[in-house]
C-alpha atoms as a PDB file:
ATOM      1  CA  MET A   1      12.375  -0.589  30.513  1.00  0.00           C
ATOM      2  CA  ARG A   2      11.135  -3.863  29.108  1.00  0.00           C
ATOM      3  CA  PRO A   3       7.557  -2.625  28.328  1.00  0.00           C
ATOM      4  CA  ARG A   4       9.108   0.411  26.666  1.00  0.00           C
ATOM      5  CA  LYS A   5      11.300  -1.794  24.484  1.00  0.00           C
ATOM      6  CA  LEU A   6       8.282  -3.862  23.504  1.00  0.00           C
ATOM      7  CA  LEU A   7       6.628  -0.720  22.189  1.00  0.00           C
ATOM      8  CA  PHE A   8       9.271  -0.504  19.471  1.00  0.00           C
ATOM      9  CA  VAL A   9       7.995  -3.810  18.106  1.00  0.00           C
ATOM     10  CA  LEU A  10       4.412  -2.570  17.736  1.00  0.00           C
ATOM     11  CA  PRO A  11       4.749  -0.336  14.636  1.00  0.00           C
ATOM     12  CA  ASN A  12       6.994  -2.917  12.983  1.00  0.00           C
ATOM     13  CA  LEU A  13       4.257  -5.522  13.435  1.00  0.00           C
ATOM     14  CA  PHE A  14       1.983  -3.365  11.300  1.00  0.00           C
ATOM     15  CA  THR A  15       4.715  -3.115   8.672  1.00  0.00           C
ATOM     16  CA  VAL A  16       5.294  -6.872   8.645  1.00  0.00           C
ATOM     17  CA  THR A  17       1.536  -7.414   8.341  1.00  0.00           C
ATOM     18  CA  SER A  18       1.624  -5.196   5.266  1.00  0.00           C
ATOM     19  CA  ILE A  19       4.311  -7.475   3.814  1.00  0.00           C
ATOM     20  CA  LEU A  20       2.117 -10.485   4.598  1.00  0.00           C
ATOM     21  CA  CYS A  21      -0.781  -8.966   2.649  1.00  0.00           C
ATOM     22  CA  GLY A  22       1.472  -8.227  -0.318  1.00  0.00           C
ATOM     23  CA  PHE A  23       2.929 -11.726  -0.239  1.00  0.00           C
ATOM     24  CA  TYR A  24      -0.548 -13.232  -0.084  1.00  0.00           C
ATOM     25  CA  ALA A  25      -1.537 -11.172  -3.124  1.00  0.00           C
ATOM     26  CA  MET A  26       1.443 -12.588  -5.034  1.00  0.00           C
ATOM     27  CA  THR A  27       0.529 -16.156  -4.095  1.00  0.00           C
ATOM     28  CA  LEU A  28      -2.970 -15.570  -5.468  1.00  0.00           C
ATOM     29  CA  CYS A  29      -1.516 -14.253  -8.740  1.00  0.00           C
ATOM     30  CA  ALA A  30       0.988 -17.106  -9.065  1.00  0.00           C
ATOM     31  CA  GLY A  31      -1.395 -19.979  -8.425  1.00  0.00           C
ATOM     32  CA  ALA A  32      -2.057 -22.838 -10.816  1.00  0.00           C
ATOM     33  CA  GLU A  33      -5.468 -21.456 -11.757  1.00  0.00           C
ATOM     34  CA  VAL A  34      -5.536 -17.664 -11.823  1.00  0.00           C
ATOM     35  CA  GLY A  35      -8.877 -16.165 -12.760  1.00  0.00           C
ATOM     36  CA  PRO A  36     -10.766 -12.921 -12.176  1.00  0.00           C
ATOM     37  CA  THR A  37     -11.770 -14.060  -8.676  1.00  0.00           C
ATOM     38  CA  GLN A  38      -8.160 -14.613  -7.585  1.00  0.00           C
ATOM     39  CA  LEU A  39      -7.083 -11.284  -9.095  1.00  0.00           C
ATOM     40  CA  TYR A  40      -9.920  -9.515  -7.301  1.00  0.00           C
ATOM     41  CA  GLN A  41      -8.898 -11.103  -3.998  1.00  0.00           C
ATOM     42  CA  ALA A  42      -5.295 -10.085  -4.624  1.00  0.00           C
ATOM     43  CA  SER A  43      -6.451  -6.503  -5.147  1.00  0.00           C
ATOM     44  CA  LEU A  44      -8.272  -6.577  -1.819  1.00  0.00           C
ATOM     45  CA  ALA A  45      -5.148  -7.950  -0.138  1.00  0.00           C
ATOM     46  CA  ILE A  46      -3.125  -5.007  -1.451  1.00  0.00           C
ATOM     47  CA  LEU A  47      -5.801  -2.643  -0.120  1.00  0.00           C
ATOM     48  CA  PHE A  48      -5.370  -4.217   3.317  1.00  0.00           C
ATOM     49  CA  ALA A  49      -1.608  -3.762   2.921  1.00  0.00           C
ATOM     50  CA  MET A  50      -2.235  -0.045   2.361  1.00  0.00           C
ATOM     51  CA  PHE A  51      -4.277   0.097   5.555  1.00  0.00           C
ATOM     52  CA  PHE A  52      -1.504  -1.456   7.648  1.00  0.00           C
ATOM     53  CA  ASP A  53       1.123   0.671   5.898  1.00  0.00           C
ATOM     54  CA  GLY A  54      -0.827   3.772   6.850  1.00  0.00           C
ATOM     55  CA  CYS A  55      -1.086   2.657  10.472  1.00  0.00           C
ATOM     56  CA  ASP A  56       2.547   1.882  11.226  1.00  0.00           C
ATOM     57  CA  GLY A  57       3.788   5.471  11.048  1.00  0.00           C
ATOM     58  CA  ARG A  58       0.910   6.779  13.135  1.00  0.00           C
ATOM     59  CA  VAL A  59       1.481   4.102  15.770  1.00  0.00           C
ATOM     60  CA  ALA A  60       5.192   4.954  15.837  1.00  0.00           C
ATOM     61  CA  ARG A  61       4.430   8.638  16.381  1.00  0.00           C
ATOM     62  CA  LEU A  62       1.822   7.960  19.060  1.00  0.00           C
ATOM     63  CA  THR A  63       4.181   5.664  20.988  1.00  0.00           C
ATOM     64  CA  ARG A  64       7.259   7.786  20.181  1.00  0.00           C
ATOM     65  CA  THR A  65       9.096   4.768  18.816  1.00  0.00           C
ATOM     66  CA  GLN A  66      10.395   6.240  15.554  1.00  0.00           C
ATOM     67  CA  SER A  67      13.647   4.656  14.383  1.00  0.00           C
ATOM     68  CA  ASP A  68      15.873   4.325  11.328  1.00  0.00           C
ATOM     69  CA  PHE A  69      15.205   0.590  11.411  1.00  0.00           C
ATOM     70  CA  GLY A  70      11.485   1.211  11.085  1.00  0.00           C
ATOM     71  CA  MET A  71      11.977   3.570   8.141  1.00  0.00           C
ATOM     72  CA  GLN A  72      14.136   1.067   6.269  1.00  0.00           C
ATOM     73  CA  LEU A  73      11.751  -1.794   7.026  1.00  0.00           C
ATOM     74  CA  ASP A  74       8.848   0.290   5.732  1.00  0.00           C
ATOM     75  CA  SER A  75      10.656   0.906   2.444  1.00  0.00           C
ATOM     76  CA  LEU A  76      11.364  -2.790   2.005  1.00  0.00           C
ATOM     77  CA  ALA A  77       7.723  -3.550   2.774  1.00  0.00           C
ATOM     78  CA  ASP A  78       6.610  -1.023   0.161  1.00  0.00           C
ATOM     79  CA  VAL A  79       8.779  -2.684  -2.482  1.00  0.00           C
ATOM     80  CA  VAL A  80       7.009  -5.993  -1.815  1.00  0.00           C
ATOM     81  CA  SER A  81       3.427  -4.840  -1.189  1.00  0.00           C
ATOM     82  CA  PHE A  82       3.205  -1.866  -3.564  1.00  0.00           C
ATOM     83  CA  GLY A  83       5.920  -2.677  -6.092  1.00  0.00           C
ATOM     84  CA  ALA A  84       6.276  -6.399  -6.773  1.00  0.00           C
ATOM     85  CA  ALA A  85       2.740  -7.458  -5.838  1.00  0.00           C
ATOM     86  CA  PRO A  86       0.883  -4.841  -7.964  1.00  0.00           C
ATOM     87  CA  ALA A  87       3.313  -5.431 -10.848  1.00  0.00           C
ATOM     88  CA  LEU A  88       2.583  -9.179 -10.832  1.00  0.00           C
ATOM     89  CA  LEU A  89      -1.125  -8.456 -10.445  1.00  0.00           C
ATOM     90  CA  LEU A  90      -1.008  -6.056 -13.386  1.00  0.00           C
ATOM     91  CA  TYR A  91       0.829  -8.603 -15.511  1.00  0.00           C
ATOM     92  CA  LYS A  92      -1.635 -11.405 -14.836  1.00  0.00           C
ATOM     93  CA  TRP A  93      -4.678  -9.131 -15.248  1.00  0.00           C
ATOM     94  CA  ALA A  94      -3.835  -7.244 -18.439  1.00  0.00           C
ATOM     95  CA  LEU A  95      -0.292  -7.538 -19.762  1.00  0.00           C
ATOM     96  CA  GLU A  96       0.431 -11.261 -20.014  1.00  0.00           C
ATOM     97  CA  PRO A  97      -1.022 -11.631 -23.552  1.00  0.00           C
ATOM     98  CA  MET A  98       1.398  -8.923 -24.745  1.00  0.00           C
ATOM     99  CA  GLY A  99       4.341 -11.258 -24.263  1.00  0.00           C
ATOM    100  CA  PHE A 100       7.735  -9.714 -23.599  1.00  0.00           C
ATOM    101  CA  LEU A 101       6.372  -6.169 -23.880  1.00  0.00           C
ATOM    102  CA  GLY A 102       3.848  -6.858 -21.146  1.00  0.00           C
ATOM    103  CA  LEU A 103       6.537  -8.382 -18.950  1.00  0.00           C
ATOM    104  CA  LEU A 104       8.726  -5.320 -19.494  1.00  0.00           C
ATOM    105  CA  LEU A 105       5.928  -2.887 -18.611  1.00  0.00           C
ATOM    106  CA  ALA A 106       5.079  -4.782 -15.426  1.00  0.00           C
ATOM    107  CA  PHE A 107       8.757  -4.864 -14.463  1.00  0.00           C
ATOM    108  CA  ALA A 108       9.027  -1.129 -15.147  1.00  0.00           C
ATOM    109  CA  PHE A 109       6.333  -0.455 -12.559  1.00  0.00           C
ATOM    110  CA  ALA A 110       8.194  -2.450  -9.886  1.00  0.00           C
ATOM    111  CA  ALA A 111      11.576  -0.983 -10.833  1.00  0.00           C
ATOM    112  CA  CYS A 112      10.359   2.621 -10.858  1.00  0.00           C
ATOM    113  CA  GLY A 113       8.737   2.046  -7.468  1.00  0.00           C
ATOM    114  CA  ALA A 114      12.048   0.799  -6.062  1.00  0.00           C
ATOM    115  CA  LEU A 115      13.862   3.815  -7.529  1.00  0.00           C
ATOM    116  CA  ARG A 116      11.236   6.103  -6.004  1.00  0.00           C
ATOM    117  CA  LEU A 117      11.779   4.568  -2.558  1.00  0.00           C
ATOM    118  CA  ALA A 118      15.567   4.777  -2.869  1.00  0.00           C
ATOM    119  CA  ARG A 119      15.328   8.490  -3.661  1.00  0.00           C
ATOM    120  CA  PHE A 120      12.964   8.987  -0.733  1.00  0.00           C
ATOM    121  CA  ASN A 121      15.423   7.323   1.664  1.00  0.00           C
ATOM    122  CA  VAL A 122      18.342   9.410   0.390  1.00  0.00           C
ATOM    123  CA  ILE A 123      16.408  12.637   0.999  1.00  0.00           C
ATOM    124  CA  ALA A 124      15.311  11.362   4.416  1.00  0.00           C
ATOM    125  CA  MET A 125      18.941  10.720   5.406  1.00  0.00           C
ATOM    126  CA  ARG A 126      19.930  14.212   4.274  1.00  0.00           C
ATOM    127  CA  SER A 127      17.132  15.719   6.344  1.00  0.00           C
ATOM    128  CA  PRO A 128      17.050  13.720   9.609  1.00  0.00           C
ATOM    129  CA  SER A 129      14.824  16.288  11.308  1.00  0.00           C
ATOM    130  CA  GLY A 130      11.992  15.378   8.939  1.00  0.00           C
ATOM    131  CA  GLY A 131      12.007  18.569   6.901  1.00  0.00           C
ATOM    132  CA  GLY A 132       9.149  20.986   6.644  1.00  0.00           C
ATOM    133  CA  GLY A 133       7.980  20.674   3.074  1.00  0.00           C
ATOM    134  CA  ASN A 134       4.464  19.915   2.024  1.00  0.00           C
ATOM    135  CA  PHE A 135       5.200  17.961  -1.167  1.00  0.00           C
ATOM    136  CA  PHE A 136       6.350  14.542  -2.264  1.00  0.00           C
ATOM    137  CA  VAL A 137       8.792  14.277  -5.162  1.00  0.00           C
ATOM    138  CA  GLY A 138       7.063  12.028  -7.641  1.00  0.00           C
ATOM    139  CA  LEU A 139       3.977   9.917  -7.100  1.00  0.00           C
ATOM    140  CA  PRO A 140       4.242   7.876  -3.860  1.00  0.00           C
ATOM    141  CA  ILE A 141       4.337   4.162  -4.580  1.00  0.00           C
ATOM    142  CA  PRO A 142       1.304   3.243  -2.415  1.00  0.00           C
ATOM    143  CA  LEU A 143      -0.800   5.722  -4.361  1.00  0.00           C
ATOM    144  CA  ALA A 144       0.468   4.359  -7.677  1.00  0.00           C
ATOM    145  CA  ALA A 145      -0.514   0.884  -6.517  1.00  0.00           C
ATOM    146  CA  SER A 146      -3.907   2.160  -5.404  1.00  0.00           C
ATOM    147  CA  VAL A 147      -4.633   3.392  -8.942  1.00  0.00           C
ATOM    148  CA  LEU A 148      -3.982  -0.053 -10.387  1.00  0.00           C
ATOM    149  CA  VAL A 149      -5.918  -1.817  -7.644  1.00  0.00           C
ATOM    150  CA  SER A 150      -8.874   0.553  -7.983  1.00  0.00           C
ATOM    151  CA  MET A 151      -9.074  -0.142 -11.726  1.00  0.00           C
ATOM    152  CA  ILE A 152      -9.097  -3.905 -11.162  1.00  0.00           C
ATOM    153  CA  ILE A 153     -11.745  -3.706  -8.445  1.00  0.00           C
ATOM    154  CA  ALA A 154     -13.911  -1.379 -10.542  1.00  0.00           C
ATOM    155  CA  HIS A 155     -13.602  -3.636 -13.587  1.00  0.00           C
ATOM    156  CA  HIS A 156     -14.578  -6.681 -11.506  1.00  0.00           C
ATOM    157  CA  ALA A 157     -17.619  -4.837 -10.175  1.00  0.00           C
ATOM    158  CA  ALA A 158     -18.670  -3.536 -13.589  1.00  0.00           C
ATOM    159  CA  THR A 159     -18.344  -6.817 -15.477  1.00  0.00           C
ATOM    160  CA  GLY A 160     -19.365  -9.245 -12.764  1.00  0.00           C
ATOM    161  CA  GLY A 161     -15.981 -10.966 -12.734  1.00  0.00           C
ATOM    162  CA  GLU A 162     -15.249 -11.284 -16.446  1.00  0.00           C
ATOM    163  CA  GLU A 163     -11.755 -11.213 -17.893  1.00  0.00           C
ATOM    164  CA  LEU A 164     -10.360  -7.989 -19.281  1.00  0.00           C
ATOM    165  CA  ALA A 165     -11.256  -7.414 -22.925  1.00  0.00           C
ATOM    166  CA  ASP A 166      -8.408  -7.362 -25.436  1.00  0.00           C
ATOM    167  CA  SER A 167      -9.374  -3.855 -26.530  1.00  0.00           C
ATOM    168  CA  ALA A 168      -8.758  -2.569 -22.997  1.00  0.00           C
ATOM    169  CA  ARG A 169      -5.235  -3.957 -22.615  1.00  0.00           C
ATOM    170  CA  ALA A 170      -3.549  -1.135 -24.531  1.00  0.00           C
ATOM    171  CA  PRO A 171      -5.110   1.635 -22.367  1.00  0.00           C
ATOM    172  CA  VAL A 172      -4.093  -0.271 -19.233  1.00  0.00           C
ATOM    173  CA  ALA A 173      -0.552  -0.577 -20.574  1.00  0.00           C
ATOM    174  CA  VAL A 174      -0.450   3.172 -21.203  1.00  0.00           C
ATOM    175  CA  ALA A 175      -1.806   3.874 -17.707  1.00  0.00           C
ATOM    176  CA  SER A 176       0.829   1.642 -16.075  1.00  0.00           C
ATOM    177  CA  THR A 177       3.570   3.365 -18.070  1.00  0.00           C
ATOM    178  CA  VAL A 178       2.350   6.803 -16.970  1.00  0.00           C
ATOM    179  CA  LEU A 179       2.265   5.668 -13.335  1.00  0.00           C
ATOM    180  CA  SER A 180       5.813   4.313 -13.601  1.00  0.00           C
ATOM    181  CA  LEU A 181       7.093   7.585 -15.043  1.00  0.00           C
ATOM    182  CA  LEU A 182       5.250   9.664 -12.449  1.00  0.00           C
ATOM    183  CA  MET A 183       6.931   7.748  -9.617  1.00  0.00           C
ATOM    184  CA  VAL A 184      10.417   8.663 -10.839  1.00  0.00           C
ATOM    185  CA  SER A 185       9.454  12.149 -12.008  1.00  0.00           C
ATOM    186  CA  THR A 186       9.848  15.433 -10.146  1.00  0.00           C
ATOM    187  CA  VAL A 187       6.124  16.149 -10.209  1.00  0.00           C
ATOM    188  CA  ARG A 188       5.110  17.442  -6.798  1.00  0.00           C
ATOM    189  CA  TYR A 189       2.263  15.799  -4.928  1.00  0.00           C
ATOM    190  CA  ARG A 190       0.915  17.260  -1.741  1.00  0.00           C
ATOM    191  CA  THR A 191       1.372  15.391   1.519  1.00  0.00           C
ATOM    192  CA  PHE A 192      -1.522  17.322   3.111  1.00  0.00           C
ATOM    193  CA  LYS A 193       0.476  17.422   6.352  1.00  0.00           C
ATOM    194  CA  ASP A 194      -0.196  21.156   6.460  1.00  0.00           C
ATOM    195  CA  LEU A 195      -3.958  20.597   6.324  1.00  0.00           C
ATOM    196  CA  ARG A 196      -5.742  22.591   9.012  1.00  0.00           C
ATOM    197  CA  LEU A 197      -9.401  22.955   9.863  1.00  0.00           C
ATOM    198  CA  SER A 198     -10.653  26.044   8.059  1.00  0.00           C
ATOM    199  CA  PRO A 199     -13.688  27.056   6.003  1.00  0.00           C
ATOM    200  CA  ARG A 200     -11.777  26.317   2.814  1.00  0.00           C
ATOM    201  CA  SER A 201     -10.626  22.866   3.908  1.00  0.00           C
ATOM    202  CA  VAL A 202     -14.111  22.017   5.177  1.00  0.00           C
ATOM    203  CA  LEU A 203     -15.567  23.085   1.814  1.00  0.00           C
ATOM    204  CA  VAL A 204     -13.079  20.951  -0.139  1.00  0.00           C
ATOM    205  CA  MET A 205     -13.713  17.932   2.071  1.00  0.00           C
ATOM    206  CA  GLY A 206     -17.449  18.450   1.729  1.00  0.00           C
ATOM    207  CA  VAL A 207     -17.177  18.526  -2.057  1.00  0.00           C
ATOM    208  CA  MET A 208     -15.073  15.353  -2.038  1.00  0.00           C
ATOM    209  CA  LEU A 209     -17.480  13.495   0.249  1.00  0.00           C
ATOM    210  CA  THR A 210     -20.489  14.635  -1.755  1.00  0.00           C
ATOM    211  CA  SER A 211     -18.841  13.577  -5.007  1.00  0.00           C
ATOM    212  CA  GLY A 212     -18.010  10.186  -3.525  1.00  0.00           C
ATOM    213  CA  VAL A 213     -21.560   9.652  -2.337  1.00  0.00           C
ATOM    214  CA  LEU A 214     -22.980  10.630  -5.736  1.00  0.00           C
ATOM    215  CA  ILE A 215     -20.606   8.328  -7.605  1.00  0.00           C
ATOM    216  CA  GLY A 216     -21.260   5.460  -5.217  1.00  0.00           C
ATOM    217  CA  THR A 217     -25.040   5.762  -5.334  1.00  0.00           C
ATOM    218  CA  ARG A 218     -25.521   6.582  -9.019  1.00  0.00           C
ATOM    219  CA  PHE A 219     -22.932   4.149 -10.387  1.00  0.00           C
ATOM    220  CA  HIS A 220     -21.111   1.746  -8.051  1.00  0.00           C
ATOM    221  CA  PRO A 221     -19.198   2.112  -4.757  1.00  0.00           C
ATOM    222  CA  ALA A 222     -16.132   0.559  -6.405  1.00  0.00           C
ATOM    223  CA  TYR A 223     -15.875   3.594  -8.688  1.00  0.00           C
ATOM    224  CA  VAL A 224     -15.296   5.945  -5.749  1.00  0.00           C
ATOM    225  CA  LEU A 225     -11.731   4.757  -5.229  1.00  0.00           C
ATOM    226  CA  VAL A 226     -11.038   5.153  -8.948  1.00  0.00           C
ATOM    227  CA  ALA A 227     -12.381   8.703  -8.919  1.00  0.00           C
ATOM    228  CA  TYR A 228     -10.357   9.706  -5.857  1.00  0.00           C
ATOM    229  CA  SER A 229      -7.159   8.114  -7.206  1.00  0.00           C
ATOM    230  CA  PHE A 230      -7.355   9.806 -10.585  1.00  0.00           C
ATOM    231  CA  ALA A 231      -8.384  13.100  -8.989  1.00  0.00           C
ATOM    232  CA  TYR A 232      -5.210  13.037  -6.870  1.00  0.00           C
ATOM    233  CA  LEU A 233      -3.145  12.257  -9.971  1.00  0.00           C
ATOM    234  CA  ALA A 234      -4.694  15.143 -11.898  1.00  0.00           C
ATOM    235  CA  PHE A 235      -4.408  17.547  -8.970  1.00  0.00           C
ATOM    236  CA  GLY A 236      -0.686  16.858  -8.630  1.00  0.00           C
ATOM    237  CA  LEU A 237      -0.052  17.341 -12.344  1.00  0.00           C
ATOM    238  CA  VAL A 238      -2.037  20.579 -12.519  1.00  0.00           C
ATOM    239  CA  GLU A 239      -0.501  22.038  -9.369  1.00  0.00           C
ATOM    240  CA  SER A 240       3.013  21.050 -10.390  1.00  0.00           C
ATOM    241  CA  ALA A 241       2.514  22.667 -13.810  1.00  0.00           C
ATOM    242  CA  PHE A 242       1.209  25.829 -12.137  1.00  0.00           C
ATOM    243  CA  LEU A 243       4.188  25.977  -9.761  1.00  0.00           C
ATOM    244  CA  MET A 244       6.592  25.450 -12.634  1.00  0.00           C
ATOM    245  CA  SER A 245       5.028  28.185 -14.740  1.00  0.00           C
ATOM    246  CA  HIS A 246       5.029  30.538 -11.760  1.00  0.00           C
ATOM    247  CA  ARG A 247       8.708  29.831 -11.097  1.00  0.00           C
ATOM    248  CA  LEU A 248       9.615  30.405 -14.755  1.00  0.00           C
ATOM    249  CA  ALA A 249       7.640  33.657 -14.801  1.00  0.00           C
ATOM    250  CA  THR A 250       9.390  34.826 -11.632  1.00  0.00           C
ATOM    251  CA  ARG A 251      12.824  34.033 -13.014  1.00  0.00           C
ATOM    252  CA  LYS A 252      11.992  35.736 -16.296  1.00  0.00           C
ATOM    253  CA  ALA A 253      10.801  38.873 -14.524  1.00  0.00           C
ATOM    254  CA  GLY A 254      13.863  39.022 -12.285  1.00  0.00           C
ATOM    255  CA  GLY A 255      16.402  38.069 -14.903  1.00  0.00           C
ATOM    256  CA  ALA A 256      18.378  34.866 -15.223  1.00  0.00           C
ATOM    257  CA  PRO A 257      19.581  33.781 -11.770  1.00  0.00           C
ATOM    258  CA  PRO A 258      23.154  32.609 -11.263  1.00  0.00           C
ATOM    259  CA  PRO A 259      23.676  28.863 -11.572  1.00  0.00           C
ATOM    260  CA  LEU A 260      23.216  26.920  -8.342  1.00  0.00           C
ATOM    261  CA  THR A 261      25.946  24.844  -6.817  1.00  0.00           C
ATOM    262  CA  LEU A 262      25.307  21.190  -6.036  1.00  0.00           C
ATOM    263  CA  LEU A 263      24.866  21.977  -2.331  1.00  0.00           C
ATOM    264  CA  GLU A 264      22.403  24.768  -3.044  1.00  0.00           C
ATOM    265  CA  GLU A 265      20.429  22.533  -5.402  1.00  0.00           C
ATOM    266  CA  THR A 266      20.264  19.828  -2.739  1.00  0.00           C
ATOM    267  CA  GLU A 267      19.081  22.271  -0.088  1.00  0.00           C
ATOM    268  CA  GLU A 268      16.462  23.693  -2.449  1.00  0.00           C
ATOM    269  CA  ASP A 269      15.163  20.211  -3.253  1.00  0.00           C
ATOM    270  CA  GLU A 270      14.946  19.303   0.428  1.00  0.00           C
ATOM    271  CA  ASP A 271      13.080  22.490   1.303  1.00  0.00           C
ATOM    272  CA  LEU A 272      10.589  22.434  -1.547  1.00  0.00           C
ATOM    273  CA  ASP A 273      10.228  18.929  -2.813  1.00  0.00           C
ATOM    274  CA  GLU A 274      10.087  16.250  -0.141  1.00  0.00           C
ATOM    275  CA  THR A 275       8.844  15.549   3.328  1.00  0.00           C
ATOM    276  CA  PRO A 276      10.478  12.451   4.787  1.00  0.00           C
ATOM    277  CA  GLY A 277       8.336  10.451   7.166  1.00  0.00           C
ATOM    278  CA  ASP A 278       8.932  10.362  10.897  1.00  0.00           C
ATOM    279  CA  GLU A 279       9.499   6.622  10.778  1.00  0.00           C
ATOM    280  CA  GLN A 280       7.167   4.834   8.476  1.00  0.00           C
ATOM    281  CA  GLY A 281       4.771   6.448   6.083  1.00  0.00           C
ATOM    282  CA  VAL A 282       3.851   7.130   2.507  1.00  0.00           C
ATOM    283  CA  ALA A 283       6.876   7.022   0.252  1.00  0.00           C
END
């Protein structure tokens, strides 16, 4: 029994390590002398946090040690590593010269990430079996953080470690605002849990790998993460718009449906919109 109980600690160690990486990133951003080098290192620390965050759920499933405690711990870890840490990093990298407006935009990213995680946990509690959907509701917070981190890493690689130009601060502010809104939106993003080996999936993966190799060799390897992050953002927006237009066309063809009750709306959202993790996972 004792070795079995120790197994429950293993996935939580990965989660705690993710918190450590996020905390280390914040210490780099809050130091006495914060320059492009420290911000670049903080970005790498958040990338390592993403790696450990992606491992904890898989370890829990392999060892069959899923638990409600692990799910709640993972959400708290995400708030630190992918909410507070990227928000502070964003503020020190681009938004600090904007004064109160920059502070507000950085806070909005952290706050929207926390709201996103709270909604995820509510849906997970309503569907304890894990659901069967293939979509996330809103942009998952680790992926939102990856967009910010990829931009910082790409900028560091392109400029050789120079500070962000004043002319680029406004576009970064707009990008952070869009990411914040996407996290609390109802835009559907695929979980790819239904991905199966098929000629179509092999073709798509081949195109992605080829595109990554071309971008990395012709430009810079740091741009690959930027391309993949923005491609996922665009894919979710396009697919969500297509699903919405298809649903509106179906309702228009069949006439106006009767209004749904609160219970029916909740069941529809659980079936179509969200896939709670087994224990830990992308939220």
